[in-house]
Protein backbone atom coordinates (compact mmCIF):
# COMPACT_ATOMS: atom_id res chain seq x y z
CA UNK A 1 21.33 -64.65 -25.84
CA UNK A 2 19.26 -63.82 -22.68
CA UNK A 3 19.12 -66.30 -20.09
CA UNK A 4 16.80 -66.47 -17.06
CA UNK A 5 16.71 -68.64 -14.38
CA UNK A 6 14.43 -68.94 -11.29
CA UNK A 7 15.28 -70.64 -8.10
CA UNK A 8 14.33 -70.92 -4.60
CA UNK A 9 10.43 -71.74 -4.56
CA UNK A 10 8.69 -74.43 -2.75
CA UNK A 11 6.27 -75.76 -0.64
CA UNK A 12 5.75 -73.81 2.76
CA UNK A 13 3.16 -72.38 5.43
CA UNK A 14 1.08 -69.70 5.56
CA UNK A 15 3.25 -67.03 8.03
CA UNK A 16 6.67 -68.78 6.30
CA UNK A 17 8.97 -66.87 4.37
CA UNK A 18 11.00 -67.82 1.27
CA UNK A 19 13.82 -66.30 -1.26
CA UNK A 20 13.70 -66.22 -4.58
CA UNK A 21 16.89 -65.47 -6.88
CA UNK A 22 16.84 -65.05 -10.42
CA UNK A 23 20.39 -66.03 -12.11
CA UNK A 24 21.16 -63.31 -16.19
CA UNK A 25 23.33 -64.25 -18.55
CA UNK A 26 23.78 -63.06 -22.28
CA UNK A 27 23.37 -59.47 -21.38
CA UNK A 28 24.93 -56.17 -20.00
CA UNK A 29 22.94 -56.52 -16.29
CA UNK A 30 23.63 -53.56 -14.40
CA UNK A 31 22.26 -51.40 -17.04
CA UNK A 32 18.86 -53.21 -17.16
CA UNK A 33 16.12 -52.68 -15.16
CA UNK A 34 14.34 -55.58 -13.46
CA UNK A 35 11.45 -57.27 -12.66
CA UNK A 36 9.40 -60.26 -10.75
CA UNK A 37 5.57 -61.08 -12.10
CA UNK A 38 3.84 -64.03 -11.44
CA UNK A 39 0.44 -66.00 -12.12
CA UNK A 40 -1.72 -68.26 -10.58
CA UNK A 41 -3.40 -70.53 -11.85
CA UNK A 42 -6.44 -69.85 -14.10
CA UNK A 43 -4.84 -66.25 -13.38
CA UNK A 44 -3.18 -63.81 -16.12
CA UNK A 45 -0.03 -62.75 -14.99
CA UNK A 46 0.64 -60.17 -12.43
CA UNK A 47 3.58 -57.71 -11.59
CA UNK A 48 4.85 -58.25 -8.45
CA UNK A 49 7.81 -55.74 -8.21
CA UNK A 50 10.54 -54.49 -10.02
CA UNK A 51 14.04 -52.74 -9.55
CA UNK A 52 15.52 -49.89 -11.34
CA UNK A 53 20.06 -49.26 -12.25
CA UNK A 54 19.78 -46.59 -9.23
CA UNK A 55 17.82 -49.98 -7.10
CA UNK A 56 13.93 -47.59 -7.24
CA UNK A 57 11.44 -50.11 -6.61
CA UNK A 58 8.65 -50.63 -6.81
CA UNK A 59 5.45 -53.01 -5.35
CA UNK A 60 1.83 -54.34 -6.78
CA UNK A 61 -0.55 -53.28 -3.62
CA UNK A 62 -0.37 -56.77 -2.55
CA UNK A 63 2.48 -57.88 -1.60
CA UNK A 64 4.00 -54.14 -0.50
CA UNK A 65 5.45 -54.50 3.21
CA UNK A 66 6.10 -58.53 3.30
CA UNK A 67 8.20 -58.17 -0.26
CA UNK A 68 11.34 -57.01 -0.96
CA UNK A 69 13.37 -56.54 -4.01
CA UNK A 70 17.16 -56.39 -4.65
CA UNK A 71 19.65 -56.97 -7.04
CA UNK A 72 23.83 -57.79 -7.06
CA UNK A 73 24.89 -56.36 -10.02
CA UNK A 74 28.18 -58.15 -10.12
CA UNK A 75 26.89 -61.36 -9.99
CA UNK A 76 24.11 -61.42 -12.52
CA UNK A 77 21.45 -61.89 -9.60
CA UNK A 78 18.18 -60.34 -8.73
CA UNK A 79 16.25 -61.63 -4.90
CA UNK A 80 12.77 -61.45 -4.15
CA UNK A 81 12.28 -61.92 -0.29
CA UNK A 82 8.84 -63.19 0.51
CA UNK A 83 7.77 -62.53 4.07
CA UNK A 84 4.63 -63.61 5.81
CA UNK A 85 3.49 -65.62 2.81
CA UNK A 86 -0.20 -65.63 2.86
CA UNK A 87 -2.29 -69.12 0.48
CA UNK A 88 -2.86 -66.28 -2.38
CA UNK A 89 0.53 -65.63 -3.07
CA UNK A 90 0.44 -69.21 -4.52
CA UNK A 91 1.71 -68.88 -8.05
CA UNK A 92 4.80 -69.55 -10.42
CA UNK A 93 7.06 -66.50 -10.00
CA UNK A 94 8.73 -65.39 -13.26
CA UNK A 95 11.80 -63.37 -13.75
CA UNK A 96 11.71 -60.34 -16.10
CA UNK A 97 14.04 -57.88 -17.82
CA UNK A 98 11.86 -54.72 -17.05
CA UNK A 99 11.53 -53.20 -20.61
CA UNK A 100 12.34 -56.36 -23.13
CA UNK A 101 10.55 -59.74 -23.50
CA UNK A 102 12.74 -61.62 -21.59
CA UNK A 103 11.61 -64.17 -19.08
CA UNK A 104 12.14 -67.05 -17.38
CA UNK A 105 10.95 -70.44 -16.89
CA UNK A 106 9.89 -69.71 -13.12
CA UNK A 107 9.63 -70.72 -9.97
CA UNK A 108 6.48 -72.55 -8.78
CA UNK A 109 5.51 -71.05 -5.03
CA UNK A 110 3.08 -72.76 -2.63
CA UNK A 111 1.57 -71.92 -0.03
CA UNK A 112 -0.32 -73.74 2.21
CA UNK A 113 -2.72 -72.09 5.09
């Protein structure tokens, strides 16, 4: 059974940093690509970042240069380092298997000005 568990969210001030973690189980981690999505109140869920099996990364325009996605295969973990956070980054952040419809429950990130 595939399980994705996010952690690391919290309430911070604008300009601060957070690192989100996604712990995956129930599949062969290192043959999968991974992604982070987010959903702000009243908004659609949107793509944030992805990382391929070869560590090729992709980012949405709104976070490029501020966020960094990474993975550690031996730990079955995907990370999202978020720097220079803005109030507009406030959302629930979700981890997802990139090519399959498996999602975590999400972790809340709140950025105040």
